[in-house]
Amino acid sequence: MATTLDSYITPKVENEAVEAAPGVMRHDVEPVNAKDDRPLYVDRVAIHPKLVHGTFRNLKWIVMVLTLGFYYLVPWLRWDRGPTLPDQAVLIDFADQRLFFGPMEIWAQEFYYVTGLLILASLVLFLVTALAGRVWCGYACPQTVWTDLFVMVERFFQGDRNARLRLQKAPWSPEKVWKLGITHATWLFISVLTGGAFVFYFRDAPTLAYEFMTGTAPYIAYVFVGVFTFTTYALGGLAREQVCIYMCPWPRIQGAMFDDHSMLVSYRPHRGEPRGPHKKADTWDGRGDCVDCKQCVVVCPVGIDIRQGAQLECIQCALCIDACNEIMGKVGRPPNLIAYDTFHNLEAAKTGGTVPVKVFRTRTILYMVLIPAVLGLMTYGWVNRSELQLNVLRDRNPLFVRLSDGGIRNGYTLKILNKRHQTRQYKVSIEGLPATAVDPKLDFVGFKEADPVIDVVPDSLRAIRVYLSLPKPAVSQLKDESTDLTFVVTDIEDGSVARRSTKFRSPKK
């Protein structure tokens, strides 16, 4: 099927002698991803987008520089947390089961904060999508950012669109081998840097970089760098728009977030139709502003024709707006034949009317309420976050031990987490058992004292084995074989307390 459709799907090297308007070249090209009559199975055709200049292209350059700079440089930023903690500003420390983000330190037990951040990011993305479509995809998505970078490299060594198309169709020669070779070598170099930067987030960056250069890094680090190198090279250099069209689920999800008031990159047919070439001496009466130059097609990174309406493949990068505005300036027509617009306004324009953009509507108001609500809950939780935590694990085999005097003993493991940056001292007590003439007895494994002071070093968890024994008179007062019990850990210095409920098991009555 692919061979019979080559005339339809294969981009052509345009004939520069054909003009759509004075000074405007007409591109003899069809969209790779046409909206109508698309075959189900067809070989992929490489898309070579043309360089365009304008507001949105400049914005994409800025976003690319900022996002890439953030990604590559953040692991090298330092943050002084004291002598006992790592000084890397952002560190995912699997060894100690902690996440460091500047002054924030998130333990494994507090992973719900990460969940909250993901929920918050999702709500922001939903709001942005409802307002302005897939702007995340067009500007800040890693696939878009690295694809832009790889296309820039390709353009630097091979030239712009027409030059790359000629090189693609040319027979093999030393020049073709050199240009393709240096392009792919540069892609691989960038991919290695990308994979290396990613693993730097999981271990001290300067140390790991030195180990890489000396060949002493852990083997797993080399494995992950290799995996990330391959994925970056394959997705950013080879697959490109295939990821956005076929692999990414977001284009399918976004359809549920658009409505008639969503601002999307749109062609305005009421202005542009009927389209066709325009000569210098011709009047604009009785025709549209579109000169059918197809600049919007050749600059599109996913190979669509925006004039065919809203399409799943469109990533809302708005490069077609820059291309069209440049042409409108050359032919002396108003800009924004292609612009951000709503479905509602496009329908109203058919009868000469306009509809104001409705920012505040049910779904956007819902998102605007949920975002500060989630942020407020997370802030409240963080402000009231305890620096002392206690977890209790009760022995289950055996559930209890009957002592020679008729008493009952249960075994527990107390896990005391000290989140402070100083060594702290704690006392352990119990609550909830019935009062008797003979107090319950706590035996601490590894301590000689009956009521020991437990030291926990900074930013660490200490596990303590404890046996709780009840004498026979106290056991007789228990109403059931399972009795509620609370362990209490108290900081000797400031009196802060952590509690954890558990059970005391005894024989059936």
Protein backbone atom coordinates (compact mmCIF):
# COMPACT_ATOMS: atom_id res chain seq x y z
CA MET A 1 0.00 0.00 0.00
CA ALA A 2 2.84 2.34 0.79
CA THR A 3 4.21 2.20 -2.75
CA THR A 4 0.87 3.01 -4.35
CA LEU A 5 0.39 6.03 -2.10
CA ASP A 6 3.82 7.60 -2.56
CA SER A 7 2.41 10.46 -4.59
CA TYR A 8 0.11 11.27 -1.69
CA ILE A 9 2.35 10.87 1.34
CA THR A 10 5.87 11.56 0.15
CA PRO A 11 7.06 15.14 0.67
CA LYS A 12 8.48 16.75 -2.44
CA VAL A 13 11.33 19.13 -3.04
CA GLU A 14 9.38 22.25 -3.93
CA ASN A 15 9.75 24.07 -7.22
CA GLU A 16 10.95 27.49 -6.12
CA ALA A 17 9.85 29.07 -9.40
CA VAL A 18 6.15 28.67 -8.60
CA GLU A 19 4.67 31.57 -6.65
CA ALA A 20 1.46 31.70 -4.66
CA ALA A 21 1.70 35.49 -4.55
CA PRO A 22 4.33 38.05 -5.47
CA GLY A 23 7.39 37.16 -3.43
CA VAL A 24 5.71 34.12 -1.86
CA MET A 25 6.85 30.65 -2.92
CA ARG A 26 4.16 28.02 -3.32
CA HIS A 27 5.17 24.66 -1.83
CA ASP A 28 4.12 21.69 -3.93
CA VAL A 29 3.51 19.40 -0.98
CA GLU A 30 0.72 17.44 0.63
CA PRO A 31 0.42 16.84 4.37
CA VAL A 32 1.99 13.61 5.54
CA ASN A 33 -0.83 13.18 8.05
CA ALA A 34 -3.90 14.20 6.07
CA LYS A 35 -7.20 14.38 7.92
CA ASP A 36 -9.39 12.61 5.37
CA ASP A 37 -9.03 9.30 3.50
CA ARG A 38 -6.08 8.20 5.57
CA PRO A 39 -4.93 4.63 4.97
CA LEU A 40 -4.82 2.29 7.95
CA TYR A 41 -1.39 0.88 7.14
CA VAL A 42 1.36 2.89 5.52
CA ASP A 43 5.11 3.22 5.84
CA ARG A 44 6.34 6.16 7.87
CA VAL A 45 7.48 9.17 5.88
CA ALA A 46 10.13 11.35 7.47
CA ILE A 47 8.95 14.89 8.17
CA HIS A 48 11.44 17.70 7.63
CA PRO A 49 9.88 20.87 9.05
CA LYS A 50 11.01 24.18 7.62
CA LEU A 51 12.54 26.80 9.90
CA VAL A 52 10.14 29.65 10.62
CA HIS A 53 10.62 32.92 12.47
CA GLY A 54 8.10 34.65 14.67
CA THR A 55 6.65 35.07 18.14
CA PHE A 56 5.78 31.45 18.81
CA ARG A 57 9.03 30.12 17.36
CA ASN A 58 10.95 32.51 19.64
CA LEU A 59 8.85 31.36 22.58
CA LYS A 60 9.72 27.73 21.78
CA TRP A 61 13.42 28.63 21.66
CA ILE A 62 13.15 30.25 25.09
CA VAL A 63 11.28 27.28 26.59
CA MET A 64 13.79 24.86 25.07
CA VAL A 65 16.77 26.72 26.55
CA LEU A 66 15.13 27.00 29.98
CA THR A 67 13.97 23.38 30.18
CA LEU A 68 17.21 21.89 28.87
CA GLY A 69 19.24 24.18 31.12
CA PHE A 70 17.15 23.14 34.10
CA TYR A 71 17.49 19.45 33.28
CA TYR A 72 21.25 19.43 32.72
CA LEU A 73 22.31 21.92 35.42
CA VAL A 74 20.06 21.16 38.42
CA PRO A 75 22.07 18.08 39.60
CA TRP A 76 25.12 20.33 39.95
CA LEU A 77 23.41 22.85 42.23
CA ARG A 78 24.46 22.64 45.88
CA TRP A 79 22.46 23.10 49.10
CA ASP A 80 24.15 23.07 52.50
CA ARG A 81 22.21 20.79 54.85
CA GLY A 82 24.94 20.21 57.39
CA PRO A 83 27.78 17.69 57.69
CA THR A 84 25.58 14.60 57.95
CA LEU A 85 23.47 15.14 54.84
CA PRO A 86 24.19 15.36 51.09
CA ASP A 87 24.69 18.85 49.71
CA GLN A 88 23.10 18.23 46.30
CA ALA A 89 20.09 20.54 45.90
CA VAL A 90 17.90 17.93 44.15
CA LEU A 91 18.67 14.31 44.96
CA ILE A 92 16.60 11.12 44.79
CA ASP A 93 18.44 9.09 47.43
CA PHE A 94 17.31 5.48 47.07
CA ALA A 95 19.97 4.21 49.48
CA ASP A 96 18.56 6.20 52.41
CA GLN A 97 15.00 6.25 51.00
CA ARG A 98 14.71 10.03 50.86
CA LEU A 99 14.03 12.79 48.35
CA PHE A 100 15.84 16.11 48.70
CA PHE A 101 14.44 19.25 47.06
CA GLY A 102 16.36 22.24 48.37
CA PRO A 103 15.22 22.77 51.96
CA MET A 104 12.62 19.99 51.68
CA GLU A 105 13.43 16.46 52.79
CA ILE A 106 10.81 13.82 51.98
CA TRP A 107 11.14 10.38 53.54
CA ALA A 108 9.76 7.17 52.11
CA GLN A 109 7.04 7.27 54.78
CA GLU A 110 6.00 10.66 53.40
CA PHE A 111 5.66 9.68 49.77
CA TYR A 112 2.12 11.02 49.84
CA TYR A 113 3.67 14.47 49.33
CA VAL A 114 4.99 13.29 45.96
CA THR A 115 1.54 11.94 45.18
CA GLY A 116 0.12 15.36 46.08
CA LEU A 117 2.59 17.08 43.76
CA LEU A 118 1.57 14.76 40.92
CA ILE A 119 -2.11 15.48 41.56
CA LEU A 120 -1.38 19.21 41.62
CA ALA A 121 0.58 19.01 38.36
CA SER A 122 -2.25 17.03 36.76
CA LEU A 123 -4.85 19.62 37.77
CA VAL A 124 -2.70 22.45 36.38
CA LEU A 125 -2.30 20.50 33.15
CA PHE A 126 -6.06 19.90 32.96
CA LEU A 127 -6.72 23.62 33.46
CA VAL A 128 -4.20 24.66 30.82
CA THR A 129 -5.61 22.11 28.38
CA ALA A 130 -9.18 23.29 28.94
CA LEU A 131 -8.09 26.89 28.31
CA ALA A 132 -5.51 26.58 25.53
CA GLY A 133 -5.32 23.01 24.30
CA ARG A 134 -2.10 21.02 24.03
CA VAL A 135 0.30 23.86 24.80
CA TRP A 136 2.20 21.49 27.10
CA CYS A 137 2.76 19.21 24.12
CA GLY A 138 3.80 22.05 21.85
CA TYR A 139 6.28 23.73 24.18
CA ALA A 140 7.36 21.90 27.34
CA CYS A 141 6.88 18.17 26.72
CA PRO A 142 10.29 16.40 26.81
CA GLN A 143 9.51 14.74 23.48
CA THR A 144 8.94 18.15 21.88
CA VAL A 145 11.97 19.77 23.53
CA TRP A 146 14.45 17.08 22.52
CA THR A 147 12.93 16.75 19.05
CA ASP A 148 13.37 20.50 18.57
CA LEU A 149 17.00 20.14 19.68
CA PHE A 150 17.64 17.22 17.32
CA VAL A 151 15.99 19.02 14.38
CA MET A 152 18.18 22.05 15.11
CA VAL A 153 21.26 19.82 14.93
CA GLU A 154 19.98 18.25 11.71
CA ARG A 155 19.34 21.67 10.19
CA PHE A 156 22.82 22.87 11.20
CA PHE A 157 24.65 20.07 9.38
CA GLN A 158 22.25 19.34 6.51
CA GLY A 159 20.50 22.66 5.83
CA ASP A 160 16.85 23.63 5.93
CA ARG A 161 13.91 21.65 4.60
CA ASN A 162 14.65 21.62 0.86
CA ALA A 163 18.33 20.82 1.41
CA ARG A 164 17.43 17.92 3.72
CA LEU A 165 14.91 16.57 1.22
CA ARG A 166 17.48 16.73 -1.58
CA LEU A 167 20.00 14.96 0.62
CA GLN A 168 17.43 12.28 1.47
CA LYS A 169 16.73 11.59 -2.23
CA ALA A 170 20.36 11.88 -3.37
CA PRO A 171 22.44 8.75 -4.06
CA TRP A 172 25.06 7.76 -1.53
CA SER A 173 28.20 9.89 -1.74
CA PRO A 174 31.00 11.02 0.58
CA GLU A 175 29.07 14.24 1.27
CA LYS A 176 25.87 12.38 2.19
CA VAL A 177 27.76 9.91 4.40
CA TRP A 178 29.57 12.76 6.19
CA LYS A 179 26.45 14.88 6.76
CA LEU A 180 24.34 11.98 7.98
CA GLY A 181 27.21 10.58 10.03
CA ILE A 182 28.00 13.83 11.84
CA THR A 183 24.28 14.40 12.46
CA HIS A 184 23.74 11.00 14.05
CA ALA A 185 27.01 11.22 15.98
CA THR A 186 25.88 14.53 17.48
CA TRP A 187 22.49 13.01 18.33
CA LEU A 188 24.25 10.15 20.12
CA PHE A 189 26.47 12.60 22.01
CA ILE A 190 23.43 14.57 23.18
CA SER A 191 21.71 11.31 24.11
CA VAL A 192 24.68 10.24 26.24
CA LEU A 193 24.65 13.61 28.01
CA THR A 194 20.91 13.21 28.55
CA GLY A 195 21.27 9.74 30.04
CA GLY A 196 24.21 10.83 32.19
CA ALA A 197 22.34 13.86 33.51
CA PHE A 198 19.39 11.67 34.47
CA VAL A 199 21.44 9.32 36.67
CA PHE A 200 23.05 12.36 38.32
CA TYR A 201 19.71 12.96 40.03
CA PHE A 202 20.14 9.68 41.94
CA ARG A 203 23.69 10.14 43.27
CA ASP A 204 26.06 12.99 44.02
CA ALA A 205 26.74 14.43 40.56
CA PRO A 206 30.46 15.43 40.89
CA THR A 207 31.31 12.09 42.52
CA LEU A 208 29.45 10.05 39.91
CA ALA A 209 30.94 12.09 37.06
CA TYR A 210 34.46 11.37 38.36
CA GLU A 211 33.63 7.67 38.68
CA PHE A 212 32.36 7.63 35.10
CA MET A 213 35.56 9.20 33.82
CA THR A 214 37.73 6.78 35.79
CA GLY A 215 35.62 3.71 35.01
CA THR A 216 34.79 3.06 38.67
CA ALA A 217 31.08 3.89 38.62
CA PRO A 218 28.60 1.16 39.63
CA TYR A 219 27.74 -1.07 36.70
CA ILE A 220 24.04 -0.28 37.11
CA ALA A 221 24.83 3.38 36.38
CA TYR A 222 26.34 2.40 33.01
CA VAL A 223 23.29 0.24 32.27
CA PHE A 224 20.85 3.07 32.92
CA VAL A 225 22.91 5.58 30.96
CA GLY A 226 22.85 3.13 28.06
CA VAL A 227 19.07 2.69 28.32
CA PHE A 228 18.40 6.44 28.48
CA THR A 229 20.84 7.09 25.65
CA PHE A 230 19.02 4.63 23.41
CA THR A 231 15.55 5.95 24.26
CA THR A 232 16.58 9.59 23.74
CA TYR A 233 18.22 8.79 20.39
CA ALA A 234 15.34 6.61 19.19
CA LEU A 235 12.47 8.83 20.30
CA GLY A 236 13.98 12.26 19.65
CA GLY A 237 16.07 11.47 16.58
CA LEU A 238 14.24 8.65 14.77
CA ALA A 239 10.61 8.35 15.91
CA ARG A 240 9.83 12.04 16.48
CA GLU A 241 6.20 12.73 15.55
CA GLN A 242 5.39 9.00 15.75
CA VAL A 243 5.60 9.29 19.53
CA CYS A 244 3.05 12.12 19.59
CA ILE A 245 0.68 10.46 17.12
CA TYR A 246 0.80 6.78 18.09
CA MET A 247 2.61 6.23 21.39
CA CYS A 248 1.44 9.07 23.63
CA PRO A 249 -2.03 8.66 25.21
CA TRP A 250 -2.44 12.40 25.85
CA PRO A 251 -3.92 13.25 22.41
CA ARG A 252 -6.75 10.83 23.18
CA ILE A 253 -7.28 12.09 26.71
CA GLN A 254 -7.33 15.74 25.72
CA GLY A 255 -10.51 15.27 23.70
CA ALA A 256 -12.45 14.99 26.95
CA MET A 257 -11.04 18.32 28.16
CA PHE A 258 -11.84 20.51 25.17
CA ASP A 259 -15.09 22.34 24.73
CA ASP A 260 -16.44 25.03 22.43
CA HIS A 261 -14.67 27.73 24.44
CA SER A 262 -11.17 26.18 24.44
CA MET A 263 -8.56 28.30 22.65
CA LEU A 264 -6.98 26.12 19.95
CA VAL A 265 -4.72 26.82 16.99
CA SER A 266 -7.29 27.20 14.22
CA TYR A 267 -7.56 28.19 10.58
CA ARG A 268 -10.27 30.80 10.00
CA PRO A 269 -12.08 29.67 6.84
CA HIS A 270 -14.43 32.66 6.86
CA ARG A 271 -11.38 34.78 6.12
CA GLY A 272 -9.32 32.38 4.07
CA GLU A 273 -11.83 30.85 1.65
CA PRO A 274 -12.01 30.59 -1.25
CA ARG A 275 -8.26 30.10 -1.37
CA GLY A 276 -5.93 30.24 -4.34
CA PRO A 277 -2.83 31.91 -5.80
CA HIS A 278 -2.89 35.69 -6.02
CA LYS A 279 -1.21 37.82 -8.66
CA LYS A 280 0.03 41.35 -8.12
CA ALA A 281 -2.56 42.95 -10.36
CA ASP A 282 -5.47 40.90 -8.98
CA THR A 283 -8.04 42.33 -6.58
CA TRP A 284 -8.93 40.67 -3.26
CA ASP A 285 -12.64 41.03 -3.88
CA GLY A 286 -14.60 37.78 -4.01
CA ARG A 287 -11.81 35.61 -2.63
CA GLY A 288 -10.17 34.72 0.67
CA ASP A 289 -6.84 35.77 2.15
CA CYS A 290 -5.29 32.28 1.86
CA VAL A 291 -2.96 32.17 -1.16
CA ASP A 292 -2.50 28.40 -0.81
CA CYS A 293 1.26 28.72 -0.33
CA LYS A 294 1.22 25.76 2.11
CA GLN A 295 3.77 27.39 4.39
CA CYS A 296 1.65 26.13 7.29
CA VAL A 297 2.17 22.55 6.07
CA VAL A 298 5.93 22.66 5.58
CA VAL A 299 6.64 24.17 9.02
CA CYS A 300 4.44 21.67 10.89
CA PRO A 301 6.53 19.21 12.95
CA VAL A 302 3.81 16.54 12.78
CA GLY A 303 3.01 16.94 9.07
CA ILE A 304 -0.62 18.13 9.12
CA ASP A 305 -2.52 20.84 7.27
CA ILE A 306 -4.16 23.02 9.90
CA ARG A 307 -6.64 24.21 7.26
CA GLN A 308 -8.32 20.81 7.49
CA GLY A 309 -9.58 21.67 10.99
CA ALA A 310 -8.91 20.30 14.45
CA GLN A 311 -6.82 17.13 14.34
CA LEU A 312 -5.54 14.64 16.88
CA GLU A 313 -1.97 15.02 15.63
CA CYS A 314 -1.80 18.80 16.25
CA ILE A 315 0.47 19.60 19.21
CA GLN A 316 -0.53 23.29 19.33
CA CYS A 317 3.01 24.52 18.74
CA ALA A 318 1.58 27.48 16.75
CA LEU A 319 4.44 27.50 14.23
CA CYS A 320 1.82 27.61 11.49
CA ILE A 321 0.65 30.95 12.95
CA ASP A 322 4.16 32.39 12.58
CA ALA A 323 4.44 31.07 9.01
CA CYS A 324 1.04 32.38 7.95
CA ASN A 325 1.55 35.79 9.57
CA GLU A 326 4.80 36.17 7.66
CA ILE A 327 2.96 35.51 4.39
CA MET A 328 0.09 37.83 5.31
CA GLY A 329 2.64 40.59 5.85
CA LYS A 330 4.15 39.99 2.42
CA VAL A 331 0.81 40.10 0.59
CA GLY A 332 -0.53 43.05 2.58
CA ARG A 333 -3.35 41.26 4.40
CA PRO A 334 -4.22 41.35 8.11
CA PRO A 335 -2.42 38.84 10.35
CA ASN A 336 -3.91 35.89 12.23
CA LEU A 337 -5.57 34.04 9.39
CA ILE A 338 -4.37 31.15 11.53
CA ALA A 339 -4.63 31.98 15.23
CA TYR A 340 -5.73 30.77 18.63
CA ASP A 341 -9.52 30.71 18.49
CA THR A 342 -12.51 28.79 19.85
CA PHE A 343 -14.90 26.45 18.05
CA HIS A 344 -17.74 28.68 19.20
CA ASN A 345 -16.21 31.78 17.67
CA LEU A 346 -15.39 30.00 14.40
CA GLU A 347 -19.04 29.02 14.05
CA ALA A 348 -20.23 32.53 14.88
CA ALA A 349 -17.83 34.01 12.34
CA LYS A 350 -19.65 32.21 9.52
CA THR A 351 -22.52 34.66 10.00
CA GLY A 352 -20.31 37.63 10.70
CA GLY A 353 -20.57 37.49 14.48
CA THR A 354 -18.06 37.10 17.29
CA VAL A 355 -18.25 35.40 20.68
CA PRO A 356 -16.08 36.57 23.57
CA VAL A 357 -13.74 34.01 25.10
CA LYS A 358 -15.35 32.45 28.15
CA VAL A 359 -12.51 31.71 30.56
CA PHE A 360 -14.68 31.01 33.60
CA ARG A 361 -16.87 27.99 32.95
CA THR A 362 -17.77 24.91 34.96
CA ARG A 363 -14.68 22.82 34.28
CA THR A 364 -12.19 25.67 34.58
CA ILE A 365 -13.78 26.91 37.80
CA LEU A 366 -13.58 23.37 39.19
CA TYR A 367 -9.88 23.18 38.39
CA MET A 368 -9.28 26.67 39.79
CA VAL A 369 -10.90 25.61 43.06
CA LEU A 370 -9.17 22.23 43.32
CA ILE A 371 -5.65 23.54 42.64
CA PRO A 372 -5.46 25.91 45.66
CA ALA A 373 -7.34 23.35 47.76
CA VAL A 374 -4.77 20.63 47.10
CA LEU A 375 -1.94 23.13 47.51
CA GLY A 376 -3.42 24.31 50.80
CA LEU A 377 -3.77 20.76 52.14
CA MET A 378 -0.18 19.97 51.22
CA THR A 379 1.06 23.20 52.79
CA TYR A 380 -0.90 22.55 55.99
CA GLY A 381 0.45 19.01 56.18
CA TRP A 382 4.02 20.17 55.62
CA VAL A 383 3.82 22.99 58.20
CA ASN A 384 2.42 20.58 60.80
CA ARG A 385 4.78 17.81 59.81
CA SER A 386 6.25 15.94 62.77
CA GLU A 387 10.00 15.37 62.94
CA LEU A 388 9.45 12.29 65.10
CA GLN A 389 7.61 9.23 63.86
CA LEU A 390 6.93 5.85 65.38
CA ASN A 391 5.92 2.58 63.80
CA VAL A 392 5.15 -0.60 65.73
CA LEU A 393 5.32 -4.15 64.35
CA ARG A 394 3.78 -6.83 66.58
CA ASP A 395 5.16 -10.37 66.53
CA ARG A 396 2.73 -12.74 64.84
CA ASN A 397 4.56 -15.99 65.36
CA PRO A 398 3.94 -16.69 68.17
CA LEU A 399 1.10 -14.28 68.97
CA PHE A 400 1.98 -14.49 72.69
CA VAL A 401 4.09 -16.50 75.16
CA ARG A 402 2.72 -17.84 78.46
CA LEU A 403 5.24 -17.30 81.26
CA SER A 404 5.92 -19.69 84.13
CA ASP A 405 4.11 -17.43 86.64
CA GLY A 406 0.96 -17.41 84.51
CA GLY A 407 1.67 -14.04 82.89
CA ILE A 408 1.56 -13.32 79.15
CA ARG A 409 4.31 -11.78 77.02
CA ASN A 410 4.04 -10.12 73.59
CA GLY A 411 6.94 -9.11 71.36
CA TYR A 412 7.15 -5.85 69.37
CA THR A 413 9.57 -4.06 67.09
CA LEU A 414 9.56 -0.28 67.55
CA LYS A 415 10.86 1.78 64.64
CA ILE A 416 11.74 5.30 65.79
CA LEU A 417 12.37 7.79 62.99
CA ASN A 418 14.38 10.92 63.85
CA LYS A 419 14.04 13.50 61.06
CA ARG A 420 16.09 16.12 62.87
CA HIS A 421 19.66 16.88 61.96
CA GLN A 422 20.86 16.22 65.52
CA THR A 423 21.03 13.12 67.68
CA ARG A 424 17.92 12.91 69.89
CA GLN A 425 17.16 10.95 73.07
CA TYR A 426 13.80 9.27 73.63
CA LYS A 427 11.85 7.48 76.34
CA VAL A 428 9.31 4.72 75.66
CA SER A 429 6.10 4.15 77.58
CA ILE A 430 2.72 2.45 77.07
CA GLU A 431 -0.90 3.50 77.45
CA GLY A 432 -4.23 1.71 77.37
CA LEU A 433 -3.70 -1.40 79.49
CA PRO A 434 -5.71 -1.91 82.71
CA ALA A 435 -4.11 -0.61 85.90
CA THR A 436 -3.03 -3.29 88.39
CA ALA A 437 -1.01 -3.51 91.55
CA VAL A 438 1.82 -4.91 89.41
CA ASP A 439 2.70 -2.66 86.47
CA PRO A 440 3.25 -4.07 83.00
CA LYS A 441 6.90 -4.81 82.38
CA LEU A 442 8.85 -3.60 79.34
CA ASP A 443 12.05 -5.43 78.47
CA PHE A 444 14.29 -3.69 75.91
CA VAL A 445 16.57 -6.06 74.01
CA GLY A 446 20.18 -4.83 74.06
CA PHE A 447 19.69 -2.48 77.03
CA LYS A 448 20.64 -3.22 80.63
CA GLU A 449 18.40 -0.52 82.11
CA ALA A 450 14.75 -1.20 82.80
CA ASP A 451 13.76 2.24 81.45
CA PRO A 452 16.54 3.10 79.01
CA VAL A 453 17.22 6.32 77.14
CA ILE A 454 17.22 5.52 73.42
CA ASP A 455 19.60 7.52 71.22
CA VAL A 456 18.73 7.97 67.54
CA VAL A 457 21.34 9.57 65.31
CA PRO A 458 20.37 12.39 62.89
CA ASP A 459 18.15 11.63 59.91
CA SER A 460 17.87 7.95 60.64
CA LEU A 461 15.55 5.19 61.77
CA ARG A 462 16.37 2.92 64.71
CA ALA A 463 14.63 -0.41 65.32
CA ILE A 464 14.23 -1.55 68.94
CA ARG A 465 13.03 -4.97 70.10
CA VAL A 466 10.66 -4.78 73.08
CA TYR A 467 8.90 -7.46 75.12
CA LEU A 468 5.77 -6.45 77.03
CA SER A 469 4.81 -8.76 79.91
CA LEU A 470 1.60 -8.68 81.93
CA PRO A 471 1.42 -10.50 85.26
CA LYS A 472 -1.36 -13.01 85.89
CA PRO A 473 -3.57 -10.54 87.86
CA ALA A 474 -3.44 -8.07 84.98
CA VAL A 475 -4.18 -10.78 82.42
CA SER A 476 -7.31 -11.74 84.37
CA GLN A 477 -8.61 -8.17 83.93
CA LEU A 478 -8.41 -8.31 80.14
CA LYS A 479 -11.89 -8.58 78.64
CA ASP A 480 -10.85 -10.09 75.30
CA GLU A 481 -7.98 -11.94 73.68
CA SER A 482 -7.11 -8.73 71.78
CA THR A 483 -6.62 -5.54 73.80
CA ASP A 484 -5.89 -2.08 72.42
CA LEU A 485 -2.50 -0.72 73.36
CA THR A 486 -0.56 2.45 72.54
CA PHE A 487 3.20 2.87 72.52
CA VAL A 488 4.38 6.41 73.29
CA VAL A 489 7.82 7.78 72.40
CA THR A 490 8.78 11.10 74.03
CA ASP A 491 11.65 13.39 73.10
CA ILE A 492 13.49 14.12 76.35
CA GLU A 493 14.73 17.54 75.20
CA ASP A 494 11.59 19.24 73.85
CA GLY A 495 8.83 16.88 75.00
CA SER A 496 7.51 16.11 71.50
CA VAL A 497 5.55 12.88 71.36
CA ALA A 498 4.78 10.18 68.81
CA ARG A 499 2.10 7.54 69.37
CA ARG A 500 1.24 4.31 67.61
CA SER A 501 -1.64 1.98 68.43
CA THR A 502 -1.32 -1.80 68.37
CA LYS A 503 -2.74 -4.88 70.07
CA PHE A 504 -1.85 -7.02 73.07
CA ARG A 505 -2.78 -10.64 72.43
CA SER A 506 -3.72 -13.13 75.15
CA PRO A 507 -5.45 -16.54 75.38
CA LYS A 508 -9.18 -16.80 74.73
CA LYS A 509 -11.37 -16.36 77.78
